[in-house]
All heavy atoms as atom14 arrays in JSON, in Angstrom:
{
  "sequence": "SGGGSVQAGGSLRLSCASSGWRYISN",
  "atom14_mask": [
    [1, 1, 1, 1, 1, 1, 0, 0, 0, 0, 0, 0, 0, 0],
    [1, 1, 1, 1, 0, 0, 0, 0, 0, 0, 0, 0, 0, 0],
    [1, 1, 1, 1, 0, 0, 0, 0, 0, 0, 0, 0, 0, 0],
    [1, 1, 1, 1, 0, 0, 0, 0, 0, 0, 0, 0, 0, 0],
    [1, 1, 1, 1, 1, 1, 0, 0, 0, 0, 0, 0, 0, 0],
    [1, 1, 1, 1, 1, 1, 1, 0, 0, 0, 0, 0, 0, 0],
    [1, 1, 1, 1, 1, 1, 1, 1, 1, 0, 0, 0, 0, 0],
    [1, 1, 1, 1, 1, 0, 0, 0, 0, 0, 0, 0, 0, 0],
    [1, 1, 1, 1, 0, 0, 0, 0, 0, 0, 0, 0, 0, 0],
    [1, 1, 1, 1, 0, 0, 0, 0, 0, 0, 0, 0, 0, 0],
    [1, 1, 1, 1, 1, 1, 0, 0, 0, 0, 0, 0, 0, 0],
    [1, 1, 1, 1, 1, 1, 1, 1, 0, 0, 0, 0, 0, 0],
    [1, 1, 1, 1, 1, 1, 1, 1, 1, 1, 1, 0, 0, 0],
    [1, 1, 1, 1, 1, 1, 1, 1, 0, 0, 0, 0, 0, 0],
    [1, 1, 1, 1, 1, 1, 0, 0, 0, 0, 0, 0, 0, 0],
    [1, 1, 1, 1, 1, 1, 0, 0, 0, 0, 0, 0, 0, 0],
    [1, 1, 1, 1, 1, 0, 0, 0, 0, 0, 0, 0, 0, 0],
    [1, 1, 1, 1, 1, 1, 0, 0, 0, 0, 0, 0, 0, 0],
    [1, 1, 1, 1, 1, 1, 0, 0, 0, 0, 0, 0, 0, 0],
    [1, 1, 1, 1, 0, 0, 0, 0, 0, 0, 0, 0, 0, 0],
    [1, 1, 1, 1, 1, 1, 1, 1, 1, 1, 1, 1, 1, 1],
    [1, 1, 1, 1, 1, 1, 1, 1, 1, 1, 1, 0, 0, 0],
    [1, 1, 1, 1, 1, 1, 1, 1, 1, 1, 1, 1, 0, 0],
    [1, 1, 1, 1, 1, 1, 1, 1, 0, 0, 0, 0, 0, 0],
    [1, 1, 1, 1, 1, 1, 0, 0, 0, 0, 0, 0, 0, 0],
    [1, 1, 1, 1, 1, 1, 1, 1, 0, 0, 0, 0, 0, 0]
  ],
  "atom14_positions": [
    [[-7.22, -1.42, 7.05], [-6.08, -1.64, 7.79], [-5.64, -0.41, 8.68], [-6.11, 0.65, 8.41], [-4.93, -2.26, 7.19], [-4.36, -1.26, 6.26], [0.0, 0.0, 0.0], [0.0, 0.0, 0.0], [0.0, 0.0, 0.0], [0.0, 0.0, 0.0], [0.0, 0.0, 0.0], [0.0, 0.0, 0.0], [0.0, 0.0, 0.0], [0.0, 0.0, 0.0]],
    [[-4.9, -0.62, 9.67], [-4.24, 0.48, 10.44], [-4.83, 0.74, 11.76], [-4.36, 1.66, 12.6], [0.0, 0.0, 0.0], [0.0, 0.0, 0.0], [0.0, 0.0, 0.0], [0.0, 0.0, 0.0], [0.0, 0.0, 0.0], [0.0, 0.0, 0.0], [0.0, 0.0, 0.0], [0.0, 0.0, 0.0], [0.0, 0.0, 0.0], [0.0, 0.0, 0.0]],
    [[-5.89, 0.03, 12.2], [-6.49, 0.13, 13.45], [-5.58, -0.29, 14.53], [-4.62, -0.95, 14.21], [0.0, 0.0, 0.0], [0.0, 0.0, 0.0], [0.0, 0.0, 0.0], [0.0, 0.0, 0.0], [0.0, 0.0, 0.0], [0.0, 0.0, 0.0], [0.0, 0.0, 0.0], [0.0, 0.0, 0.0], [0.0, 0.0, 0.0], [0.0, 0.0, 0.0]],
    [[-6.03, -0.15, 15.82], [-5.27, -0.55, 16.87], [-5.72, 0.18, 18.13], [-6.72, 0.87, 18.18], [0.0, 0.0, 0.0], [0.0, 0.0, 0.0], [0.0, 0.0, 0.0], [0.0, 0.0, 0.0], [0.0, 0.0, 0.0], [0.0, 0.0, 0.0], [0.0, 0.0, 0.0], [0.0, 0.0, 0.0], [0.0, 0.0, 0.0], [0.0, 0.0, 0.0]],
    [[-5.04, -0.01, 19.22], [-5.23, 0.64, 20.53], [-4.21, 1.76, 20.69], [-3.01, 1.55, 20.67], [-5.16, -0.43, 21.63], [-6.12, -1.39, 21.49], [0.0, 0.0, 0.0], [0.0, 0.0, 0.0], [0.0, 0.0, 0.0], [0.0, 0.0, 0.0], [0.0, 0.0, 0.0], [0.0, 0.0, 0.0], [0.0, 0.0, 0.0], [0.0, 0.0, 0.0]],
    [[-4.74, 2.91, 21.04], [-3.81, 4.12, 21.45], [-4.32, 4.82, 22.66], [-5.64, 4.67, 22.88], [-3.73, 5.07, 20.16], [-3.16, 4.32, 18.96], [-5.27, 5.6, 19.81], [0.0, 0.0, 0.0], [0.0, 0.0, 0.0], [0.0, 0.0, 0.0], [0.0, 0.0, 0.0], [0.0, 0.0, 0.0], [0.0, 0.0, 0.0], [0.0, 0.0, 0.0]],
    [[-3.6, 5.53, 23.19], [-3.9, 6.41, 24.27], [-4.65, 7.78, 23.69], [-4.29, 8.06, 22.57], [-2.76, 6.83, 25.09], [-2.04, 5.8, 25.89], [-2.98, 5.27, 26.85], [-3.45, 6.01, 27.79], [-3.14, 3.95, 27.13], [0.0, 0.0, 0.0], [0.0, 0.0, 0.0], [0.0, 0.0, 0.0], [0.0, 0.0, 0.0], [0.0, 0.0, 0.0]],
    [[-5.47, 8.24, 24.53], [-6.18, 9.6, 24.09], [-5.05, 10.52, 23.69], [-4.07, 10.68, 24.45], [-6.98, 10.03, 25.24], [0.0, 0.0, 0.0], [0.0, 0.0, 0.0], [0.0, 0.0, 0.0], [0.0, 0.0, 0.0], [0.0, 0.0, 0.0], [0.0, 0.0, 0.0], [0.0, 0.0, 0.0], [0.0, 0.0, 0.0], [0.0, 0.0, 0.0]],
    [[-5.34, 11.24, 22.73], [-4.3, 12.29, 22.23], [-3.46, 11.7, 21.12], [-2.73, 12.46, 20.54], [0.0, 0.0, 0.0], [0.0, 0.0, 0.0], [0.0, 0.0, 0.0], [0.0, 0.0, 0.0], [0.0, 0.0, 0.0], [0.0, 0.0, 0.0], [0.0, 0.0, 0.0], [0.0, 0.0, 0.0], [0.0, 0.0, 0.0], [0.0, 0.0, 0.0]],
    [[-3.5, 10.37, 20.9], [-2.66, 9.74, 19.95], [-3.2, 9.9, 18.54], [-4.2, 10.5, 18.37], [0.0, 0.0, 0.0], [0.0, 0.0, 0.0], [0.0, 0.0, 0.0], [0.0, 0.0, 0.0], [0.0, 0.0, 0.0], [0.0, 0.0, 0.0], [0.0, 0.0, 0.0], [0.0, 0.0, 0.0], [0.0, 0.0, 0.0], [0.0, 0.0, 0.0]],
    [[-2.54, 9.25, 17.6], [-2.87, 9.23, 16.23], [-2.93, 7.86, 15.56], [-2.08, 6.93, 16.06], [-1.97, 10.18, 15.45], [-1.97, 11.53, 15.92], [0.0, 0.0, 0.0], [0.0, 0.0, 0.0], [0.0, 0.0, 0.0], [0.0, 0.0, 0.0], [0.0, 0.0, 0.0], [0.0, 0.0, 0.0], [0.0, 0.0, 0.0], [0.0, 0.0, 0.0]],
    [[-3.55, 7.68, 14.54], [-3.71, 6.52, 13.72], [-3.95, 6.9, 12.43], [-4.65, 7.9, 12.09], [-4.85, 5.53, 14.26], [-4.49, 4.76, 15.46], [-5.75, 3.99, 15.81], [-3.16, 3.72, 15.23], [0.0, 0.0, 0.0], [0.0, 0.0, 0.0], [0.0, 0.0, 0.0], [0.0, 0.0, 0.0], [0.0, 0.0, 0.0], [0.0, 0.0, 0.0]],
    [[-3.44, 6.06, 11.36], [-3.8, 6.33, 10.04], [-4.44, 5.04, 9.5], [-3.57, 3.9, 9.41], [-2.48, 6.69, 9.22], [-2.89, 7.27, 7.77], [-1.55, 7.3, 6.93], [-1.98, 8.02, 5.72], [-1.18, 7.96, 4.67], [0.01, 7.27, 4.67], [-1.36, 8.73, 3.53], [0.0, 0.0, 0.0], [0.0, 0.0, 0.0], [0.0, 0.0, 0.0]],
    [[-5.61, 5.1, 9.05], [-6.3, 4.0, 8.45], [-6.18, 4.01, 6.99], [-6.08, 5.13, 6.32], [-7.82, 4.03, 8.86], [-8.15, 4.23, 10.31], [-9.73, 4.08, 10.54], [-7.54, 3.03, 11.21], [0.0, 0.0, 0.0], [0.0, 0.0, 0.0], [0.0, 0.0, 0.0], [0.0, 0.0, 0.0], [0.0, 0.0, 0.0], [0.0, 0.0, 0.0]],
    [[-6.13, 2.81, 6.44], [-6.05, 2.69, 4.97], [-7.13, 1.78, 4.5], [-7.5, 0.81, 5.28], [-4.72, 2.08, 4.58], [-3.71, 2.85, 4.98], [0.0, 0.0, 0.0], [0.0, 0.0, 0.0], [0.0, 0.0, 0.0], [0.0, 0.0, 0.0], [0.0, 0.0, 0.0], [0.0, 0.0, 0.0], [0.0, 0.0, 0.0], [0.0, 0.0, 0.0]],
    [[-7.62, 1.99, 3.41], [-8.71, 1.21, 2.76], [-8.08, 0.86, 1.33], [-8.2, 1.75, 0.54], [-9.99, 1.85, 2.71], [-11.29, 1.02, 1.7], [0.0, 0.0, 0.0], [0.0, 0.0, 0.0], [0.0, 0.0, 0.0], [0.0, 0.0, 0.0], [0.0, 0.0, 0.0], [0.0, 0.0, 0.0], [0.0, 0.0, 0.0], [0.0, 0.0, 0.0]],
    [[-7.65, -0.45, 1.16], [-7.24, -0.76, -0.09], [-8.29, -1.4, -0.98], [-9.08, -2.24, -0.54], [-6.1, -1.77, 0.05], [0.0, 0.0, 0.0], [0.0, 0.0, 0.0], [0.0, 0.0, 0.0], [0.0, 0.0, 0.0], [0.0, 0.0, 0.0], [0.0, 0.0, 0.0], [0.0, 0.0, 0.0], [0.0, 0.0, 0.0], [0.0, 0.0, 0.0]],
    [[-8.49, -0.95, -2.15], [-9.58, -1.39, -3.05], [-9.11, -2.2, -4.19], [-7.94, -1.91, -4.7], [-10.51, -0.21, -3.49], [-9.75, 0.65, -4.24], [0.0, 0.0, 0.0], [0.0, 0.0, 0.0], [0.0, 0.0, 0.0], [0.0, 0.0, 0.0], [0.0, 0.0, 0.0], [0.0, 0.0, 0.0], [0.0, 0.0, 0.0], [0.0, 0.0, 0.0]],
    [[-9.98, -3.05, -4.78], [-9.64, -3.84, -5.89], [-10.85, -4.42, -6.41], [-11.97, -4.3, -5.88], [-8.63, -5.03, -5.45], [-9.25, -5.95, -4.55], [0.0, 0.0, 0.0], [0.0, 0.0, 0.0], [0.0, 0.0, 0.0], [0.0, 0.0, 0.0], [0.0, 0.0, 0.0], [0.0, 0.0, 0.0], [0.0, 0.0, 0.0], [0.0, 0.0, 0.0]],
    [[-10.74, -4.88, -7.69], [-11.92, -5.54, -8.4], [-12.97, -4.56, -8.98], [-13.98, -4.91, -9.44], [0.0, 0.0, 0.0], [0.0, 0.0, 0.0], [0.0, 0.0, 0.0], [0.0, 0.0, 0.0], [0.0, 0.0, 0.0], [0.0, 0.0, 0.0], [0.0, 0.0, 0.0], [0.0, 0.0, 0.0], [0.0, 0.0, 0.0], [0.0, 0.0, 0.0]],
    [[-12.55, -3.3, -9.03], [-13.27, -2.33, -9.62], [-12.56, -1.19, -10.17], [-11.36, -1.07, -9.74], [-14.47, -1.88, -8.79], [-13.98, -1.04, -7.56], [-13.15, -1.54, -6.6], [-14.45, 0.15, -7.17], [-12.94, -0.59, -5.67], [-13.76, 0.45, -5.97], [-15.43, 1.14, -7.65], [-14.03, 1.81, -5.4], [-15.6, 2.23, -6.86], [-14.99, 2.56, -5.74]],
    [[-13.05, -0.34, -10.78], [-12.37, 1.0, -11.32], [-12.67, 2.02, -10.16], [-13.67, 2.66, -10.08], [-12.93, 1.44, -12.67], [-12.14, 2.59, -13.27], [-12.6, 3.0, -14.67], [-12.28, 1.91, -15.63], [-12.53, 1.89, -16.85], [-13.29, 2.74, -17.28], [-12.19, 0.81, -17.49], [0.0, 0.0, 0.0], [0.0, 0.0, 0.0], [0.0, 0.0, 0.0]],
    [[-11.5, 2.13, -9.41], [-11.59, 3.01, -8.28], [-11.83, 4.41, -8.6], [-11.24, 4.95, -9.58], [-10.31, 2.91, -7.61], [-10.26, 3.82, -6.28], [-10.62, 3.39, -5.09], [-9.63, 5.04, -6.32], [-10.64, 4.19, -3.92], [-9.52, 5.85, -5.2], [-10.05, 5.39, -4.03], [-9.89, 6.18, -2.89], [0.0, 0.0, 0.0], [0.0, 0.0, 0.0]],
    [[-12.82, 5.02, -7.81], [-13.01, 6.5, -8.01], [-13.31, 6.91, -6.58], [-14.12, 6.55, -5.91], [-14.23, 6.68, -8.92], [-14.54, 8.23, -9.08], [-15.49, 6.14, -8.45], [-13.39, 8.88, -9.79], [0.0, 0.0, 0.0], [0.0, 0.0, 0.0], [0.0, 0.0, 0.0], [0.0, 0.0, 0.0], [0.0, 0.0, 0.0], [0.0, 0.0, 0.0]],
    [[-12.61, 7.97, -6.24], [-12.57, 8.4, -4.92], [-13.87, 9.1, -4.31], [-14.27, 8.97, -3.36], [-11.4, 9.46, -4.66], [-11.64, 10.6, -5.48], [0.0, 0.0, 0.0], [0.0, 0.0, 0.0], [0.0, 0.0, 0.0], [0.0, 0.0, 0.0], [0.0, 0.0, 0.0], [0.0, 0.0, 0.0], [0.0, 0.0, 0.0], [0.0, 0.0, 0.0]],
    [[-14.6, 9.64, -5.36], [-15.86, 10.37, -4.93], [-16.93, 9.27, -4.67], [-18.07, 9.74, -4.44], [-16.28, 11.44, -5.9], [-16.52, 10.94, -7.26], [-16.39, 9.79, -7.6], [-16.8, 11.96, -8.12], [0.0, 0.0, 0.0], [0.0, 0.0, 0.0], [0.0, 0.0, 0.0], [0.0, 0.0, 0.0], [0.0, 0.0, 0.0], [0.0, 0.0, 0.0]]
  ]
}
């Protein structure tokens, strides 16, 4: 989530929510 349309030079923060497993960042 977190996508969208922005002007050049702008910022966005994307998120990836996980479930159904034992999350491990690496």
